[in-house]
């Protein structure tokens, strides 16, 4: 299967005006260098069979698009790269192209998918902060919003004992209909532990004070982009 990165001819709806270049302005030494576009890439997902069904071929498309670009921007430089994959490979053609050409977004999505698949086959608890979910032995646990918020609050402050009063003030707003008392927190923790099943001891009780989460061999924490580091607390 072959795929190719090409340039698409833009639709011209108005005459092109010539703009007189302005003299360059001096840039202060203490300012960062300005960034300007130097070109663009257009990923096209199309295998040889689909191209043939349309009455064209990949070399014909490349040649036609290069000639179009030469008419619109004679000074432009072009480079076409074919993305190859083993015969019978699954997935969308466009995704194959983006991944083969090392497009950052495609690489990130592939990595995330691999991590999710690995988590689904592993035992233990996975607390996915970025996706607001908990996996127990590879299965998604039916945590309520408050239960997840409670677990997340403890996880992000691992090793630190959190008093009940702090949990109340942090997780419930004054205008909430059901703002719990300190002892009601114990009920929420019991429900949380019940859903954790045999991993309930990852939420520890510190008698007379509150609760704590410590690092545990059976627990994997996923901190998504922008998630506060536990070291902050």
C-alpha atoms as a PDB file:
ATOM      1  CA  UNK A   1       0.000   0.000   0.000  1.00  0.00           C
ATOM      2  CA  UNK A   2       1.299   3.455  -0.826  1.00  0.00           C
ATOM      3  CA  UNK A   3       0.218   6.798   0.525  1.00  0.00           C
ATOM      4  CA  UNK A   4       1.554  10.223  -0.306  1.00  0.00           C
ATOM      5  CA  UNK A   5       1.892  13.730   1.114  1.00  0.00           C
ATOM      6  CA  UNK A   6       0.693  16.267  -1.487  1.00  0.00           C
ATOM      7  CA  UNK A   7      -0.257  19.916  -1.916  1.00  0.00           C
ATOM      8  CA  UNK A   8      -3.833  20.896  -2.735  1.00  0.00           C
ATOM      9  CA  UNK A   9      -4.722  23.672  -5.193  1.00  0.00           C
ATOM     10  CA  UNK A  10      -6.586  26.456  -3.357  1.00  0.00           C
ATOM     11  CA  UNK A  11      -9.801  27.850  -4.790  1.00  0.00           C
ATOM     12  CA  UNK A  12      -9.153  31.388  -6.093  1.00  0.00           C
ATOM     13  CA  UNK A  13     -12.246  33.546  -5.692  1.00  0.00           C
ATOM     14  CA  UNK A  14     -10.701  36.998  -6.035  1.00  0.00           C
ATOM     15  CA  UNK A  15      -7.839  38.489  -8.070  1.00  0.00           C
ATOM     16  CA  UNK A  16      -4.459  38.366  -6.367  1.00  0.00           C
ATOM     17  CA  UNK A  17      -3.179  41.800  -5.355  1.00  0.00           C
ATOM     18  CA  UNK A  18       0.464  42.729  -5.248  1.00  0.00           C
ATOM     19  CA  UNK A  19       1.470  44.137  -1.895  1.00  0.00           C
ATOM     20  CA  UNK A  20       4.495  46.421  -1.733  1.00  0.00           C
ATOM     21  CA  UNK A  21       7.018  45.097   0.729  1.00  0.00           C
ATOM     22  CA  UNK A  22       7.631  47.319   3.735  1.00  0.00           C
ATOM     23  CA  UNK A  23      11.169  48.019   4.925  1.00  0.00           C
ATOM     24  CA  UNK A  24      12.252  45.741   7.748  1.00  0.00           C
ATOM     25  CA  UNK A  25      12.050  47.222  11.210  1.00  0.00           C
ATOM     26  CA  UNK A  26      14.941  46.735  13.606  1.00  0.00           C
ATOM     27  CA  UNK A  27      14.315  44.146  16.290  1.00  0.00           C
ATOM     28  CA  UNK A  28      15.361  44.866  19.839  1.00  0.00           C
ATOM     29  CA  UNK A  29      18.128  42.568  21.023  1.00  0.00           C
ATOM     30  CA  UNK A  30      16.198  41.534  24.112  1.00  0.00           C
ATOM     31  CA  UNK A  31      13.093  40.401  22.186  1.00  0.00           C
ATOM     32  CA  UNK A  32      12.706  36.806  20.970  1.00  0.00           C
ATOM     33  CA  UNK A  33      13.138  36.225  17.250  1.00  0.00           C
ATOM     34  CA  UNK A  34       9.852  36.373  15.347  1.00  0.00           C
ATOM     35  CA  UNK A  35       8.522  33.120  13.918  1.00  0.00           C
ATOM     36  CA  UNK A  36       7.072  33.031  10.434  1.00  0.00           C
ATOM     37  CA  UNK A  37       5.600  30.262   8.244  1.00  0.00           C
ATOM     38  CA  UNK A  38       8.084  28.601   5.900  1.00  0.00           C
ATOM     39  CA  UNK A  39       5.732  26.181   4.161  1.00  0.00           C
ATOM     40  CA  UNK A  40       3.092  23.598   4.903  1.00  0.00           C
ATOM     41  CA  UNK A  41       2.370  19.877   4.628  1.00  0.00           C
ATOM     42  CA  UNK A  42      -0.846  18.246   3.479  1.00  0.00           C
ATOM     43  CA  UNK A  43      -1.208  14.565   4.313  1.00  0.00           C
ATOM     44  CA  UNK A  44      -3.213  12.565   1.749  1.00  0.00           C
ATOM     45  CA  UNK A  45      -4.443   9.062   2.486  1.00  0.00           C
ATOM     46  CA  UNK A  46      -4.975   7.193  -0.801  1.00  0.00           C
ATOM     47  CA  UNK A  47      -3.770   3.732  -1.740  1.00  0.00           C
ATOM     48  CA  UNK A  48      -3.044   2.551  -5.291  1.00  0.00           C
ATOM     49  CA  UNK A  49      -6.309   0.632  -5.603  1.00  0.00           C
ATOM     50  CA  UNK A  50      -8.476   3.618  -4.679  1.00  0.00           C
ATOM     51  CA  UNK A  51      -6.457   5.839  -7.003  1.00  0.00           C
ATOM     52  CA  UNK A  52      -6.938   3.384  -9.877  1.00  0.00           C
ATOM     53  CA  UNK A  53     -10.689   3.277  -9.201  1.00  0.00           C
ATOM     54  CA  UNK A  54     -10.700   7.068  -9.615  1.00  0.00           C
ATOM     55  CA  UNK A  55      -8.876   6.729 -12.939  1.00  0.00           C
ATOM     56  CA  UNK A  56      -5.548   8.140 -11.736  1.00  0.00           C
ATOM     57  CA  UNK A  57      -2.333   6.964 -10.138  1.00  0.00           C
ATOM     58  CA  UNK A  58      -0.165   8.391  -7.407  1.00  0.00           C
ATOM     59  CA  UNK A  59       2.577   9.597  -9.819  1.00  0.00           C
ATOM     60  CA  UNK A  60      -0.073  11.313 -11.946  1.00  0.00           C
ATOM     61  CA  UNK A  61      -1.491  13.089  -8.886  1.00  0.00           C
ATOM     62  CA  UNK A  62       1.960  14.197  -7.773  1.00  0.00           C
ATOM     63  CA  UNK A  63       2.782  15.581 -11.210  1.00  0.00           C
ATOM     64  CA  UNK A  64      -0.561  17.377 -11.542  1.00  0.00           C
ATOM     65  CA  UNK A  65      -0.326  18.986  -8.138  1.00  0.00           C
ATOM     66  CA  UNK A  66       3.258  20.067  -8.658  1.00  0.00           C
ATOM     67  CA  UNK A  67       2.303  21.730 -11.950  1.00  0.00           C
ATOM     68  CA  UNK A  68      -0.605  23.455 -10.196  1.00  0.00           C
ATOM     69  CA  UNK A  69       1.699  24.733  -7.487  1.00  0.00           C
ATOM     70  CA  UNK A  70       4.227  25.907 -10.072  1.00  0.00           C
ATOM     71  CA  UNK A  71       1.508  28.034 -11.663  1.00  0.00           C
ATOM     72  CA  UNK A  72       0.388  29.563  -8.376  1.00  0.00           C
ATOM     73  CA  UNK A  73       3.798  29.975  -6.726  1.00  0.00           C
ATOM     74  CA  UNK A  74       6.686  29.502  -9.195  1.00  0.00           C
ATOM     75  CA  UNK A  75       9.271  30.027  -6.466  1.00  0.00           C
ATOM     76  CA  UNK A  76       7.997  27.276  -4.179  1.00  0.00           C
ATOM     77  CA  UNK A  77      10.094  24.189  -3.495  1.00  0.00           C
ATOM     78  CA  UNK A  78       8.269  20.856  -3.235  1.00  0.00           C
ATOM     79  CA  UNK A  79       9.051  17.412  -1.925  1.00  0.00           C
ATOM     80  CA  UNK A  80       6.742  14.397  -2.124  1.00  0.00           C
ATOM     81  CA  UNK A  81       7.218  11.451   0.228  1.00  0.00           C
ATOM     82  CA  UNK A  82       5.452   8.124  -0.100  1.00  0.00           C
ATOM     83  CA  UNK A  83       4.400   6.376   3.122  1.00  0.00           C
ATOM     84  CA  UNK A  84       4.652   2.583   2.789  1.00  0.00           C
ATOM     85  CA  UNK A  85       2.962  -0.065   4.896  1.00  0.00           C
ATOM     86  CA  UNK A  86       2.858  -3.892   4.679  1.00  0.00           C
ATOM     87  CA  UNK A  87       0.153  -5.321   2.425  1.00  0.00           C
ATOM     88  CA  UNK A  88      -3.037  -6.000   4.335  1.00  0.00           C
ATOM     89  CA  UNK A  89      -2.322  -3.488   7.069  1.00  0.00           C
ATOM     90  CA  UNK A  90      -5.456  -2.186   8.750  1.00  0.00           C
ATOM     91  CA  UNK A  91      -6.390   1.320   9.800  1.00  0.00           C
ATOM     92  CA  UNK A  92      -7.189   4.486   7.898  1.00  0.00           C
ATOM     93  CA  UNK A  93      -4.821   5.401   5.075  1.00  0.00           C
ATOM     94  CA  UNK A  94      -4.444   8.934   6.424  1.00  0.00           C
ATOM     95  CA  UNK A  95      -3.461   7.677   9.879  1.00  0.00           C
ATOM     96  CA  UNK A  96      -0.830   5.414   8.317  1.00  0.00           C
ATOM     97  CA  UNK A  97       0.612   8.378   6.405  1.00  0.00           C
ATOM     98  CA  UNK A  98       0.719  10.681   9.421  1.00  0.00           C
ATOM     99  CA  UNK A  99       2.375   8.056  11.585  1.00  0.00           C
ATOM    100  CA  UNK A 100       4.901   7.048   8.900  1.00  0.00           C
ATOM    101  CA  UNK A 101       5.890  10.685   8.420  1.00  0.00           C
ATOM    102  CA  UNK A 102       6.296  11.168  12.197  1.00  0.00           C
ATOM    103  CA  UNK A 103       3.516  13.729  12.599  1.00  0.00           C
ATOM    104  CA  UNK A 104       3.550  14.576  16.349  1.00  0.00           C
ATOM    105  CA  UNK A 105      -0.212  14.363  16.868  1.00  0.00           C
ATOM    106  CA  UNK A 106      -0.402  10.897  15.295  1.00  0.00           C
ATOM    107  CA  UNK A 107       2.521   9.661  17.404  1.00  0.00           C
ATOM    108  CA  UNK A 108       0.876  10.923  20.607  1.00  0.00           C
ATOM    109  CA  UNK A 109      -2.429   9.211  19.780  1.00  0.00           C
ATOM    110  CA  UNK A 110      -0.696   5.946  18.942  1.00  0.00           C
ATOM    111  CA  UNK A 111       1.194   6.037  22.222  1.00  0.00           C
ATOM    112  CA  UNK A 112      -1.987   6.740  24.193  1.00  0.00           C
ATOM    113  CA  UNK A 113      -3.785   3.861  22.464  1.00  0.00           C
ATOM    114  CA  UNK A 114      -0.904   1.500  23.270  1.00  0.00           C
ATOM    115  CA  UNK A 115      -0.950   2.542  26.934  1.00  0.00           C
ATOM    116  CA  UNK A 116      -4.694   2.014  27.128  1.00  0.00           C
ATOM    117  CA  UNK A 117      -4.406  -1.439  25.594  1.00  0.00           C
ATOM    118  CA  UNK A 118      -1.615  -2.357  28.001  1.00  0.00           C
ATOM    119  CA  UNK A 119      -3.677  -1.160  30.977  1.00  0.00           C
ATOM    120  CA  UNK A 120      -6.631  -3.273  29.870  1.00  0.00           C
ATOM    121  CA  UNK A 121      -4.527  -6.449  30.095  1.00  0.00           C
ATOM    122  CA  UNK A 122      -2.717  -5.690  33.342  1.00  0.00           C
ATOM    123  CA  UNK A 123      -3.865  -6.257  36.886  1.00  0.00           C
ATOM    124  CA  UNK A 124      -3.993  -3.654  39.616  1.00  0.00           C
ATOM    125  CA  UNK A 125      -5.465  -0.168  39.682  1.00  0.00           C
ATOM    126  CA  UNK A 126      -4.899   2.523  37.063  1.00  0.00           C
ATOM    127  CA  UNK A 127      -5.913   6.031  38.105  1.00  0.00           C
ATOM    128  CA  UNK A 128      -6.114   8.047  34.898  1.00  0.00           C
ATOM    129  CA  UNK A 129      -6.075  11.680  35.998  1.00  0.00           C
ATOM    130  CA  UNK A 130      -6.227  13.023  32.447  1.00  0.00           C
ATOM    131  CA  UNK A 131      -9.345  11.023  31.506  1.00  0.00           C
ATOM    132  CA  UNK A 132     -11.025  11.093  34.903  1.00  0.00           C
ATOM    133  CA  UNK A 133     -11.416   7.342  35.229  1.00  0.00           C
ATOM    134  CA  UNK A 134     -10.215   4.338  37.191  1.00  0.00           C
ATOM    135  CA  UNK A 135      -9.401   0.895  35.787  1.00  0.00           C
ATOM    136  CA  UNK A 136      -9.416  -2.096  38.119  1.00  0.00           C
ATOM    137  CA  UNK A 137      -7.764  -5.209  36.698  1.00  0.00           C
ATOM    138  CA  UNK A 138      -8.259  -3.737  33.236  1.00  0.00           C
ATOM    139  CA  UNK A 139     -11.967  -2.993  33.679  1.00  0.00           C
ATOM    140  CA  UNK A 140     -13.433   0.492  33.994  1.00  0.00           C
ATOM    141  CA  UNK A 141     -14.801   1.098  37.509  1.00  0.00           C
ATOM    142  CA  UNK A 142     -18.124   2.890  37.957  1.00  0.00           C
ATOM    143  CA  UNK A 143     -16.905   5.732  40.144  1.00  0.00           C
ATOM    144  CA  UNK A 144     -19.153   8.710  40.752  1.00  0.00           C
ATOM    145  CA  UNK A 145     -17.776  12.180  40.114  1.00  0.00           C
ATOM    146  CA  UNK A 146     -17.243  12.823  43.839  1.00  0.00           C
ATOM    147  CA  UNK A 147     -15.632   9.433  44.395  1.00  0.00           C
ATOM    148  CA  UNK A 148     -13.105  10.100  41.661  1.00  0.00           C
ATOM    149  CA  UNK A 149     -12.468  13.628  42.932  1.00  0.00           C
ATOM    150  CA  UNK A 150     -11.823  12.229  46.405  1.00  0.00           C
ATOM    151  CA  UNK A 151      -9.363   9.621  45.129  1.00  0.00           C
ATOM    152  CA  UNK A 152      -7.654  12.138  42.852  1.00  0.00           C
ATOM    153  CA  UNK A 153      -7.240  14.626  45.708  1.00  0.00           C
ATOM    154  CA  UNK A 154      -5.448  12.005  47.783  1.00  0.00           C
ATOM    155  CA  UNK A 155      -3.354  10.724  44.866  1.00  0.00           C
ATOM    156  CA  UNK A 156      -2.079  14.194  43.970  1.00  0.00           C
ATOM    157  CA  UNK A 157      -0.919  14.578  47.570  1.00  0.00           C
ATOM    158  CA  UNK A 158       0.608  11.138  47.969  1.00  0.00           C
ATOM    159  CA  UNK A 159       2.353  10.516  51.260  1.00  0.00           C
ATOM    160  CA  UNK A 160       0.579  13.361  52.989  1.00  0.00           C
ATOM    161  CA  UNK A 161      -2.206  12.799  55.529  1.00  0.00           C
ATOM    162  CA  UNK A 162      -5.263  14.854  54.580  1.00  0.00           C
ATOM    163  CA  UNK A 163      -7.601  15.935  57.352  1.00  0.00           C
ATOM    164  CA  UNK A 164     -11.338  15.478  56.942  1.00  0.00           C
ATOM    165  CA  UNK A 165     -11.929  19.217  57.222  1.00  0.00           C
ATOM    166  CA  UNK A 166      -9.609  19.823  54.277  1.00  0.00           C
ATOM    167  CA  UNK A 167     -11.415  17.241  52.151  1.00  0.00           C
ATOM    168  CA  UNK A 168     -14.763  18.891  52.888  1.00  0.00           C
ATOM    169  CA  UNK A 169     -13.567  22.402  52.065  1.00  0.00           C
ATOM    170  CA  UNK A 170     -11.687  21.286  48.938  1.00  0.00           C
ATOM    171  CA  UNK A 171     -14.289  19.000  47.366  1.00  0.00           C
ATOM    172  CA  UNK A 172     -17.570  20.622  48.366  1.00  0.00           C
ATOM    173  CA  UNK A 173     -18.551  24.223  47.775  1.00  0.00           C
ATOM    174  CA  UNK A 174     -20.580  26.240  50.262  1.00  0.00           C
ATOM    175  CA  UNK A 175     -23.512  26.436  47.832  1.00  0.00           C
ATOM    176  CA  UNK A 176     -23.714  22.652  47.336  1.00  0.00           C
ATOM    177  CA  UNK A 177     -27.022  21.131  48.397  1.00  0.00           C
ATOM    178  CA  UNK A 178     -25.383  18.365  50.388  1.00  0.00           C
ATOM    179  CA  UNK A 179     -22.221  19.603  52.033  1.00  0.00           C
ATOM    180  CA  UNK A 180     -21.067  16.721  54.265  1.00  0.00           C
ATOM    181  CA  UNK A 181     -19.831  16.948  57.796  1.00  0.00           C
ATOM    182  CA  UNK A 182     -16.453  15.551  58.741  1.00  0.00           C
ATOM    183  CA  UNK A 183     -17.894  12.149  59.646  1.00  0.00           C
ATOM    184  CA  UNK A 184     -19.797  11.949  56.370  1.00  0.00           C
ATOM    185  CA  UNK A 185     -16.409  11.874  54.643  1.00  0.00           C
ATOM    186  CA  UNK A 186     -15.927   8.454  56.228  1.00  0.00           C
ATOM    187  CA  UNK A 187     -19.017   7.235  54.381  1.00  0.00           C
ATOM    188  CA  UNK A 188     -17.666   8.476  51.052  1.00  0.00           C
ATOM    189  CA  UNK A 189     -14.332   6.789  51.729  1.00  0.00           C
ATOM    190  CA  UNK A 190     -16.080   3.495  52.576  1.00  0.00           C
ATOM    191  CA  UNK A 191     -17.953   3.614  49.263  1.00  0.00           C
ATOM    192  CA  UNK A 192     -14.718   4.425  47.451  1.00  0.00           C
ATOM    193  CA  UNK A 193     -12.950   1.478  49.073  1.00  0.00           C
ATOM    194  CA  UNK A 194     -15.832  -0.850  48.271  1.00  0.00           C
ATOM    195  CA  UNK A 195     -15.402  -0.079  44.571  1.00  0.00           C
ATOM    196  CA  UNK A 196     -11.637  -0.567  44.819  1.00  0.00           C
ATOM    197  CA  UNK A 197     -12.339  -4.108  46.030  1.00  0.00           C
ATOM    198  CA  UNK A 198      -9.197  -6.029  46.961  1.00  0.00           C
ATOM    199  CA  UNK A 199      -7.172  -2.851  46.437  1.00  0.00           C
ATOM    200  CA  UNK A 200      -9.070  -0.913  49.093  1.00  0.00           C
ATOM    201  CA  UNK A 201      -5.975  -0.478  51.258  1.00  0.00           C
ATOM    202  CA  UNK A 202      -4.436   2.011  48.805  1.00  0.00           C
ATOM    203  CA  UNK A 203      -6.508   4.595  50.694  1.00  0.00           C
ATOM    204  CA  UNK A 204      -5.145   4.463  54.222  1.00  0.00           C
ATOM    205  CA  UNK A 205      -6.807   5.669  57.399  1.00  0.00           C
ATOM    206  CA  UNK A 206      -4.736   7.744  59.820  1.00  0.00           C
ATOM    207  CA  UNK A 207      -6.616   7.443  63.081  1.00  0.00           C
ATOM    208  CA  UNK A 208      -7.904  10.668  64.528  1.00  0.00           C
ATOM    209  CA  UNK A 209      -6.678  12.720  61.568  1.00  0.00           C
ATOM    210  CA  UNK A 210      -7.860  11.669  58.110  1.00  0.00           C
ATOM    211  CA  UNK A 211      -6.699   9.709  55.058  1.00  0.00           C
ATOM    212  CA  UNK A 212      -3.575   9.203  52.987  1.00  0.00           C
ATOM    213  CA  UNK A 213      -2.504   7.681  49.684  1.00  0.00           C
ATOM    214  CA  UNK A 214       0.957   6.092  49.527  1.00  0.00           C
ATOM    215  CA  UNK A 215       2.783   4.719  46.507  1.00  0.00           C
ATOM    216  CA  UNK A 216       1.686   1.131  45.888  1.00  0.00           C
ATOM    217  CA  UNK A 217       3.034  -1.596  43.618  1.00  0.00           C
ATOM    218  CA  UNK A 218      -0.471  -2.361  42.337  1.00  0.00           C
ATOM    219  CA  UNK A 219      -1.285   1.239  41.396  1.00  0.00           C
ATOM    220  CA  UNK A 220      -0.394   3.104  38.204  1.00  0.00           C
ATOM    221  CA  UNK A 221      -1.061   6.847  38.018  1.00  0.00           C
ATOM    222  CA  UNK A 222      -1.377   8.578  34.659  1.00  0.00           C
ATOM    223  CA  UNK A 223      -0.754  12.285  34.806  1.00  0.00           C
ATOM    224  CA  UNK A 224      -2.003  13.929  31.620  1.00  0.00           C
ATOM    225  CA  UNK A 225      -0.619  17.121  30.108  1.00  0.00           C
ATOM    226  CA  UNK A 226      -1.244  20.045  32.449  1.00  0.00           C
ATOM    227  CA  UNK A 227      -1.918  17.870  35.512  1.00  0.00           C
ATOM    228  CA  UNK A 228      -0.299  19.301  38.649  1.00  0.00           C
ATOM    229  CA  UNK A 229       2.702  17.341  39.861  1.00  0.00           C
ATOM    230  CA  UNK A 230       2.344  15.673  43.279  1.00  0.00           C
ATOM    231  CA  UNK A 231       5.543  17.463  44.284  1.00  0.00           C
ATOM    232  CA  UNK A 232       3.573  20.729  44.415  1.00  0.00           C
ATOM    233  CA  UNK A 233       1.777  19.622  47.516  1.00  0.00           C
END
